[in-house]
Amino acid sequence: MPEISEETLKLLVCKYLADSLTEEESNELDAYGAEHPQIWLLIARLQDEDQLTSDLAGIQEIDPRSALEEAWEMINKKNTPFYKKPFWRVAAIIIPLAVVTTIIALQRHRSVTNPKNIAHATPPGTRIGGYRAILTLAGGQQLDLQDQPKGDIAFQSGARIVRTDSALSYVPVPLPYVESQQQTPVQYNVLTTPRTSQYSIILPDGTKVWLNDSSRLYYPTFFSGADREVALTGEAYFEVAKDPAHPFHVKVNNLTVDVLGTSFSIRAYSDENNTTAILLNGKISVRNGQHQQVLSPNEGVSISRENKWQLRKDIDPDSVTAWKEGIFYFSHADIATVMHELSKWYNVEVEMRVPNNQYNYEGEFSRYVSLSVILNYMTNEDVHFIREGNKVIVTP
């Protein structure tokens, strides 16, 4: 397709965010995005209100002329998959500039701007995920955190619940409001992420937990007694606050992960056969009534429903933490594994008409580009993808 000028691209992005593209303009942006998928990452960042605030705060530290030249060269660089490392290194420069130019262009074209539509605009293809979660309080009340204001949103036994950007924090209530935690009944809350979403939480002891999509964390509003214990279904990454006097335990399926203070990941989806724990720092023990495995850094263990244990060594840390950084990370992944991950995040049904283990995929993709962009990169002479509504059919 003919190259788009910088000014034209700015205008197309602005009208896209305002949900006011004509059919011809939409086709033009789609065609540009097919050749330069980096643009969808920029658009996704512009759609995130919290990220937008953060990006604007960093603009003063950027040299606009040199950064814009570098950004424009990177966006228009052909035949380079957007998941390659150089793009991520300059993304921090590109995105604030995209914010500025978009705001300027919006001011110039106010007639096409409808503020109500900006938050709901999404790239072509299946809706992109984001930061959403449902908080269930001790009394059963459910709060959609996307609808809650920043700041205090609730009070539970022994803690204030505070929403900050894309995270939830439990702030212990100091004396004299709670004279003694021993006299205060422990209440339990549940944080649930739907498909296409992720969220993070800081527990009352300072432990940080990142929940992947379709996950559920059950935890007390404050920790009392000798141990700290939570329960998980789905996938989460933990950075446990050190407190040797009060060991941290994660209950998952019929397993217990024992922790002193460390960083690790657990994956335990109900529709998957294996429960997997991977350690990055520190030391953990994974046990059930029949077996126990102590892990060292960059080791993992997978336990099947049939109680078969498999120890894994020399695990790449990036493969463990990529999802919480907004990246799909695939290393020697067969097509069934890739499509399973995509189906959860983009909330689509997948029908496989090719052998599951016939192809291996390597690479990193942003979780905030449209599904169409990823499928386009995966298409080759042996594998094709057909979209039928909310279904993706994988064919030879």
Protein backbone atom coordinates (compact mmCIF):
# COMPACT_ATOMS: atom_id res chain seq x y z
CA MET A 1 0.00 0.00 0.00
CA PRO A 2 1.17 3.62 -0.47
CA GLU A 3 3.01 5.08 2.50
CA ILE A 4 0.96 7.23 4.89
CA SER A 5 2.33 10.61 5.88
CA GLU A 6 3.00 11.37 9.52
CA GLU A 7 0.19 13.94 9.66
CA THR A 8 -2.31 11.54 8.05
CA LEU A 9 -1.41 8.79 10.50
CA LYS A 10 -1.90 11.14 13.46
CA LEU A 11 -5.33 12.08 12.18
CA LEU A 12 -6.34 8.45 11.59
CA VAL A 13 -5.28 7.51 15.12
CA CYS A 14 -7.20 10.43 16.60
CA LYS A 15 -10.36 9.64 14.67
CA TYR A 16 -9.96 5.98 15.60
CA LEU A 17 -9.83 6.89 19.31
CA ALA A 18 -12.90 9.07 18.82
CA ASP A 19 -14.69 6.21 17.03
CA SER A 20 -15.33 8.44 14.03
CA LEU A 21 -13.39 6.82 11.19
CA THR A 22 -15.16 6.54 7.87
CA GLU A 23 -15.18 3.11 6.23
CA GLU A 24 -12.45 4.24 3.83
CA GLU A 25 -10.31 5.60 6.66
CA SER A 26 -10.85 2.44 8.71
CA ASN A 27 -9.65 0.31 5.80
CA GLU A 28 -6.64 2.60 5.39
CA LEU A 29 -5.66 2.26 9.06
CA ASP A 30 -6.23 -1.52 8.98
CA ALA A 31 -3.97 -1.86 5.97
CA TYR A 32 -1.31 0.27 7.63
CA GLY A 33 -1.58 -1.76 10.84
CA ALA A 34 -1.15 -5.01 8.93
CA GLU A 35 2.26 -3.82 7.71
CA HIS A 36 3.20 -1.87 10.85
CA PRO A 37 1.53 -3.64 13.82
CA GLN A 38 3.49 -1.48 16.27
CA ILE A 39 0.77 1.14 15.84
CA TRP A 40 -1.75 -1.04 17.72
CA LEU A 41 0.49 -1.07 20.79
CA LEU A 42 0.56 2.72 20.78
CA ILE A 43 -3.20 2.89 20.39
CA ALA A 44 -3.71 0.43 23.24
CA ARG A 45 -1.60 2.62 25.51
CA LEU A 46 -3.60 5.69 24.51
CA GLN A 47 -6.83 3.92 25.49
CA ASP A 48 -5.64 3.24 29.05
CA GLU A 49 -6.52 6.25 31.23
CA ASP A 50 -4.06 5.35 33.98
CA GLN A 51 -1.26 4.68 31.50
CA LEU A 52 -2.04 7.94 29.72
CA THR A 53 -1.55 9.87 32.96
CA SER A 54 1.77 8.12 33.55
CA ASP A 55 2.96 8.77 29.99
CA LEU A 56 2.11 12.46 30.17
CA ALA A 57 4.09 12.77 33.41
CA GLY A 58 7.26 11.62 31.64
CA ILE A 59 7.09 13.84 28.58
CA GLN A 60 9.34 16.58 29.97
CA GLU A 61 12.27 14.14 30.09
CA ILE A 62 12.19 13.50 26.31
CA ASP A 63 14.03 15.25 23.49
CA PRO A 64 11.08 15.54 21.07
CA ARG A 65 13.02 15.95 17.81
CA SER A 66 15.40 13.00 18.16
CA ALA A 67 12.77 10.77 19.77
CA LEU A 68 10.21 11.47 17.06
CA GLU A 69 12.72 10.67 14.32
CA GLU A 70 13.58 7.39 16.04
CA ALA A 71 9.92 6.54 16.64
CA TRP A 72 8.88 7.27 13.06
CA GLU A 73 11.76 5.18 11.69
CA MET A 74 10.85 2.27 13.98
CA ILE A 75 7.12 2.33 13.21
CA ASN A 76 7.73 2.36 9.46
CA LYS A 77 10.45 -0.28 9.47
CA LYS A 78 9.16 -3.11 7.30
CA ASN A 79 9.73 -6.84 7.59
CA THR A 80 10.66 -6.63 11.26
CA PRO A 81 8.32 -8.46 13.67
CA PHE A 82 7.13 -5.97 16.25
CA TYR A 83 7.97 -8.26 19.13
CA LYS A 84 11.71 -7.92 18.51
CA LYS A 85 13.64 -6.32 21.36
CA PRO A 86 14.62 -3.00 19.69
CA PHE A 87 11.01 -1.87 19.56
CA TRP A 88 10.48 -2.43 23.26
CA ARG A 89 13.59 -0.38 24.03
CA VAL A 90 12.22 2.66 22.22
CA ALA A 91 8.58 2.15 23.21
CA ALA A 92 9.05 4.32 26.27
CA ILE A 93 10.09 7.14 23.94
CA ILE A 94 7.45 6.57 21.27
CA ILE A 95 4.40 6.39 23.49
CA PRO A 96 4.59 9.75 25.30
CA LEU A 97 5.14 11.43 21.93
CA ALA A 98 2.13 9.62 20.55
CA VAL A 99 0.14 10.98 23.46
CA VAL A 100 1.20 14.55 22.71
CA THR A 101 0.61 14.39 18.97
CA THR A 102 -2.74 12.71 19.47
CA ILE A 103 -3.91 15.36 21.92
CA ILE A 104 -2.78 18.12 19.55
CA ALA A 105 -4.54 16.51 16.62
CA LEU A 106 -7.70 16.01 18.66
CA GLN A 107 -7.72 19.70 19.48
CA ARG A 108 -7.41 20.51 15.77
CA HIS A 109 -10.27 18.19 14.84
CA ARG A 110 -12.77 18.71 17.64
CA SER A 111 -15.68 18.18 15.29
CA VAL A 112 -14.92 14.45 15.08
CA THR A 113 -14.32 13.95 18.79
CA ASN A 114 -16.91 12.32 21.02
CA PRO A 115 -15.42 11.89 24.53
CA LYS A 116 -17.96 9.20 25.41
CA ASN A 117 -16.61 6.96 22.67
CA ILE A 118 -12.90 7.28 23.37
CA ALA A 119 -12.79 4.84 26.28
CA HIS A 120 -14.67 2.20 24.31
CA ALA A 121 -12.67 2.26 21.08
CA THR A 122 -10.79 -0.97 20.34
CA PRO A 123 -8.44 -2.10 17.56
CA PRO A 124 -9.84 -4.17 14.68
CA GLY A 125 -10.46 -7.82 15.44
CA THR A 126 -11.34 -9.29 18.80
CA ARG A 127 -11.49 -6.96 21.80
CA ILE A 128 -8.15 -6.44 23.52
CA GLY A 129 -7.80 -7.24 27.21
CA GLY A 130 -6.93 -4.89 30.02
CA TYR A 131 -7.00 -4.33 33.76
CA ARG A 132 -10.34 -5.52 35.14
CA ALA A 133 -11.35 -7.50 38.20
CA ILE A 134 -14.30 -8.21 40.47
CA LEU A 135 -13.84 -7.85 44.23
CA THR A 136 -16.16 -9.92 46.42
CA LEU A 137 -16.37 -8.59 49.97
CA ALA A 138 -16.95 -10.68 53.09
CA GLY A 139 -20.69 -10.02 53.04
CA GLY A 140 -21.01 -11.17 49.43
CA GLN A 141 -21.17 -7.70 47.84
CA GLN A 142 -19.38 -7.60 44.48
CA LEU A 143 -17.54 -4.54 43.18
CA ASP A 144 -16.48 -4.15 39.55
CA LEU A 145 -13.18 -2.36 40.12
CA GLN A 146 -13.32 -0.67 36.74
CA ASP A 147 -16.35 1.27 38.00
CA GLN A 148 -14.76 2.25 41.32
CA PRO A 149 -13.04 5.60 41.93
CA LYS A 150 -9.41 5.79 42.93
CA GLY A 151 -8.86 5.89 46.67
CA ASP A 152 -10.76 4.15 49.47
CA ILE A 153 -13.52 1.95 48.10
CA ALA A 154 -14.42 -0.20 51.13
CA PHE A 155 -13.57 -1.06 54.72
CA GLN A 156 -13.24 -4.65 55.87
CA SER A 157 -12.21 -6.08 59.20
CA GLY A 158 -8.75 -4.71 60.00
CA ALA A 159 -8.11 -3.00 56.66
CA ARG A 160 -8.94 -0.16 54.30
CA ILE A 161 -9.26 -1.24 50.67
CA VAL A 162 -7.68 1.27 48.30
CA ARG A 163 -7.80 1.27 44.50
CA THR A 164 -4.72 2.77 42.84
CA ASP A 165 -4.41 2.66 39.05
CA SER A 166 -4.46 -1.03 38.03
CA ALA A 167 -3.96 -2.40 41.55
CA LEU A 168 -5.77 -2.96 44.81
CA SER A 169 -4.12 -2.35 48.19
CA TYR A 170 -5.12 -3.51 51.66
CA VAL A 171 -3.94 -0.96 54.21
CA PRO A 172 -3.98 -2.22 57.81
CA VAL A 173 -6.04 0.01 60.08
CA PRO A 174 -3.74 1.41 62.80
CA LEU A 175 -4.54 1.69 66.46
CA PRO A 176 -6.72 2.95 68.10
CA TYR A 177 -9.30 2.02 65.45
CA VAL A 178 -8.55 -1.67 65.89
CA GLU A 179 -7.34 -2.26 69.43
CA SER A 180 -6.27 -5.82 68.81
CA GLN A 181 -6.34 -8.06 65.78
CA GLN A 182 -6.89 -10.97 68.15
CA GLN A 183 -10.21 -9.35 69.11
CA THR A 184 -11.16 -8.61 65.49
CA PRO A 185 -12.78 -11.40 63.46
CA VAL A 186 -10.91 -12.25 60.27
CA GLN A 187 -12.90 -11.66 57.09
CA TYR A 188 -12.11 -13.09 53.67
CA ASN A 189 -12.28 -11.39 50.29
CA VAL A 190 -12.04 -12.79 46.77
CA LEU A 191 -10.42 -11.07 43.78
CA THR A 192 -11.47 -12.51 40.41
CA THR A 193 -10.20 -11.63 36.95
CA PRO A 194 -12.44 -12.43 33.97
CA ARG A 195 -11.18 -13.56 30.60
CA THR A 196 -9.24 -10.86 28.70
CA SER A 197 -8.13 -9.21 31.96
CA GLN A 198 -5.43 -9.13 34.61
CA TYR A 199 -5.01 -7.29 37.90
CA SER A 200 -2.64 -6.90 40.84
CA ILE A 201 -3.11 -6.67 44.58
CA ILE A 202 -1.02 -5.76 47.62
CA LEU A 203 -2.05 -7.91 50.57
CA PRO A 204 -2.12 -6.58 54.16
CA ASP A 205 1.41 -7.89 54.86
CA GLY A 206 2.86 -6.14 51.79
CA THR A 207 2.94 -9.24 49.58
CA LYS A 208 2.35 -8.35 45.93
CA VAL A 209 0.28 -10.64 43.71
CA TRP A 210 -0.35 -10.32 39.97
CA LEU A 211 -3.40 -12.26 38.75
CA ASN A 212 -3.53 -13.43 35.15
CA ASP A 213 -6.82 -13.76 33.27
CA SER A 214 -9.53 -16.17 34.46
CA SER A 215 -8.02 -16.36 37.95
CA ARG A 216 -9.27 -16.16 41.54
CA LEU A 217 -7.46 -15.29 44.78
CA TYR A 218 -9.03 -15.97 48.20
CA TYR A 219 -7.36 -14.15 51.11
CA PRO A 220 -7.98 -12.65 54.58
CA THR A 221 -8.36 -8.93 55.17
CA PHE A 222 -5.52 -9.23 57.68
CA PHE A 223 -3.19 -12.05 58.67
CA SER A 224 -3.43 -13.41 62.21
CA GLY A 225 -1.86 -16.36 63.94
CA ALA A 226 1.38 -18.12 63.11
CA ASP A 227 0.87 -18.50 59.34
CA ARG A 228 -0.19 -16.44 56.33
CA GLU A 229 -2.41 -18.40 53.94
CA VAL A 230 -4.21 -17.67 50.65
CA ALA A 231 -5.88 -19.87 48.04
CA LEU A 232 -5.56 -19.63 44.25
CA THR A 233 -7.19 -20.93 41.10
CA GLY A 234 -5.84 -19.83 37.73
CA GLU A 235 -2.43 -18.17 37.44
CA ALA A 236 -0.60 -15.69 39.64
CA TYR A 237 2.88 -14.31 40.24
CA PHE A 238 3.84 -13.66 43.88
CA GLU A 239 6.42 -11.42 45.51
CA VAL A 240 6.06 -12.44 49.14
CA ALA A 241 6.94 -10.00 51.92
CA LYS A 242 9.64 -11.53 54.13
CA ASP A 243 8.49 -12.57 57.58
CA PRO A 244 10.26 -15.79 58.69
CA ALA A 245 8.20 -15.89 61.88
CA HIS A 246 5.00 -16.16 59.83
CA PRO A 247 5.45 -18.51 56.84
CA PHE A 248 3.38 -17.84 53.73
CA HIS A 249 1.31 -20.66 52.20
CA VAL A 250 -0.62 -20.87 48.93
CA LYS A 251 -3.34 -23.50 48.65
CA VAL A 252 -3.91 -24.59 45.07
CA ASN A 253 -5.96 -27.64 44.09
CA ASN A 254 -4.77 -30.37 46.47
CA LEU A 255 -1.30 -28.83 46.84
CA THR A 256 0.34 -26.44 49.28
CA VAL A 257 3.23 -24.12 48.38
CA ASP A 258 5.26 -23.12 51.46
CA VAL A 259 7.16 -19.84 51.29
CA LEU A 260 9.38 -17.74 53.55
CA GLY A 261 9.94 -14.72 51.31
CA THR A 262 10.45 -15.08 47.60
CA SER A 263 9.23 -14.57 44.01
CA PHE A 264 7.42 -17.38 42.25
CA SER A 265 4.60 -18.22 39.87
CA ILE A 266 1.73 -20.70 40.15
CA ARG A 267 -0.49 -21.87 37.31
CA ALA A 268 -3.53 -24.00 38.14
CA TYR A 269 -6.40 -23.56 35.69
CA SER A 270 -9.37 -25.90 36.08
CA ASP A 271 -9.36 -26.75 32.35
CA GLU A 272 -5.68 -27.78 32.34
CA ASN A 273 -4.29 -31.13 33.48
CA ASN A 274 -1.20 -29.80 35.26
CA THR A 275 -0.58 -27.53 38.22
CA THR A 276 2.79 -25.79 37.88
CA ALA A 277 4.92 -23.84 40.35
CA ILE A 278 8.06 -22.00 39.19
CA LEU A 279 10.56 -20.29 41.49
CA LEU A 280 12.56 -17.20 40.49
CA ASN A 281 14.09 -16.09 43.80
CA GLY A 282 14.37 -17.57 47.27
CA LYS A 283 13.11 -21.01 48.17
CA ILE A 284 9.75 -22.77 48.18
CA SER A 285 8.43 -26.22 48.93
CA VAL A 286 5.54 -27.78 47.00
CA ARG A 287 3.74 -30.62 48.76
CA ASN A 288 0.66 -32.76 49.01
CA GLY A 289 -0.12 -35.76 51.18
CA GLN A 290 2.08 -38.06 49.11
CA HIS A 291 5.03 -36.06 47.85
CA GLN A 292 7.16 -32.95 48.45
CA GLN A 293 9.53 -31.04 46.17
CA VAL A 294 11.85 -28.21 47.25
CA LEU A 295 12.67 -25.77 44.44
CA SER A 296 15.74 -23.62 43.85
CA PRO A 297 15.74 -20.47 41.67
CA ASN A 298 14.78 -21.05 38.01
CA GLU A 299 13.35 -24.46 38.81
CA GLY A 300 9.75 -25.56 38.49
CA VAL A 301 7.56 -28.56 39.12
CA SER A 302 4.43 -29.70 37.29
CA ILE A 303 1.96 -32.07 38.94
CA SER A 304 -0.72 -33.81 36.89
CA ARG A 305 -4.19 -34.75 38.07
CA GLU A 306 -2.86 -38.31 38.24
CA ASN A 307 -0.24 -37.05 40.76
CA LYS A 308 2.69 -37.41 38.36
CA TRP A 309 5.47 -34.97 39.29
CA GLN A 310 7.90 -33.51 36.75
CA LEU A 311 10.85 -31.33 37.80
CA ARG A 312 12.00 -28.62 35.36
CA LYS A 313 15.39 -26.89 35.53
CA ASP A 314 17.03 -23.83 33.93
CA ILE A 315 13.74 -22.06 33.27
CA ASP A 316 13.98 -18.72 31.45
CA PRO A 317 12.70 -16.08 33.94
CA ASP A 318 11.22 -14.03 31.08
CA SER A 319 8.87 -16.88 30.27
CA VAL A 320 7.48 -16.70 33.81
CA THR A 321 6.97 -12.95 34.16
CA ALA A 322 6.16 -11.91 30.57
CA TRP A 323 2.38 -12.05 30.97
CA LYS A 324 2.34 -9.62 33.89
CA GLU A 325 4.35 -7.20 31.75
CA GLY A 326 1.70 -7.43 29.02
CA ILE A 327 3.54 -9.85 26.74
CA PHE A 328 2.80 -13.28 25.27
CA TYR A 329 6.04 -15.27 25.46
CA PHE A 330 6.31 -18.42 23.35
CA SER A 331 9.35 -20.70 23.29
CA HIS A 332 9.12 -23.99 21.39
CA ALA A 333 5.35 -23.78 21.86
CA ASP A 334 3.15 -26.01 19.73
CA ILE A 335 0.16 -24.48 18.01
CA ALA A 336 -2.31 -25.95 20.51
CA THR A 337 -0.49 -24.21 23.38
CA VAL A 338 -0.41 -20.90 21.54
CA MET A 339 -4.08 -21.04 20.60
CA HIS A 340 -5.06 -21.99 24.15
CA GLU A 341 -3.35 -18.86 25.48
CA LEU A 342 -4.93 -16.67 22.81
CA SER A 343 -8.40 -18.13 23.40
CA LYS A 344 -8.27 -17.25 27.11
CA TRP A 345 -7.02 -13.70 26.63
CA TYR A 346 -9.18 -12.76 23.64
CA ASN A 347 -12.18 -14.80 24.82
CA VAL A 348 -12.62 -16.76 21.59
CA GLU A 349 -13.44 -20.37 20.81
CA VAL A 350 -10.79 -22.31 18.90
CA GLU A 351 -11.38 -25.23 16.55
CA MET A 352 -8.23 -27.16 15.63
CA ARG A 353 -8.09 -28.83 12.22
CA VAL A 354 -4.32 -29.36 12.25
CA PRO A 355 -2.17 -31.70 14.40
CA ASN A 356 -1.58 -30.11 17.81
CA ASN A 357 2.16 -30.70 17.94
CA GLN A 358 3.08 -30.17 14.30
CA TYR A 359 4.40 -26.60 14.59
CA ASN A 360 6.64 -24.78 17.06
CA TYR A 361 6.44 -21.05 17.65
CA GLU A 362 9.05 -18.68 19.05
CA GLY A 363 8.63 -15.02 19.90
CA GLU A 364 7.03 -12.32 22.00
CA PHE A 365 3.79 -10.49 21.24
CA SER A 366 2.10 -7.65 23.05
CA ARG A 367 -1.15 -8.72 24.72
CA TYR A 368 -2.57 -5.33 23.72
CA VAL A 369 -2.61 -5.74 19.96
CA SER A 370 -5.62 -7.18 18.21
CA LEU A 371 -5.91 -10.93 17.73
CA SER A 372 -5.88 -10.37 13.96
CA VAL A 373 -2.34 -9.00 14.15
CA ILE A 374 -1.01 -12.10 15.93
CA LEU A 375 -2.84 -14.52 13.65
CA ASN A 376 -1.42 -12.67 10.66
CA TYR A 377 2.12 -13.30 11.92
CA MET A 378 1.37 -16.96 12.62
CA THR A 379 -0.04 -17.62 9.17
CA ASN A 380 2.24 -19.54 6.81
CA GLU A 381 1.91 -21.94 3.90
CA ASP A 382 0.93 -24.78 6.26
CA VAL A 383 -1.30 -22.97 8.77
CA HIS A 384 -4.21 -20.61 8.11
CA PHE A 385 -6.86 -19.05 10.32
CA ILE A 386 -10.54 -18.54 9.55
CA ARG A 387 -12.65 -16.18 11.68
CA GLU A 388 -16.32 -17.06 12.13
CA GLY A 389 -17.82 -14.70 14.68
CA ASN A 390 -16.27 -15.55 18.04
CA LYS A 391 -14.61 -18.69 16.69
CA VAL A 392 -11.13 -19.13 15.20
CA ILE A 393 -10.67 -22.19 12.98
CA VAL A 394 -7.07 -23.37 12.49
CA THR A 395 -6.73 -25.09 9.12
CA PRO A 396 -3.90 -26.44 6.93
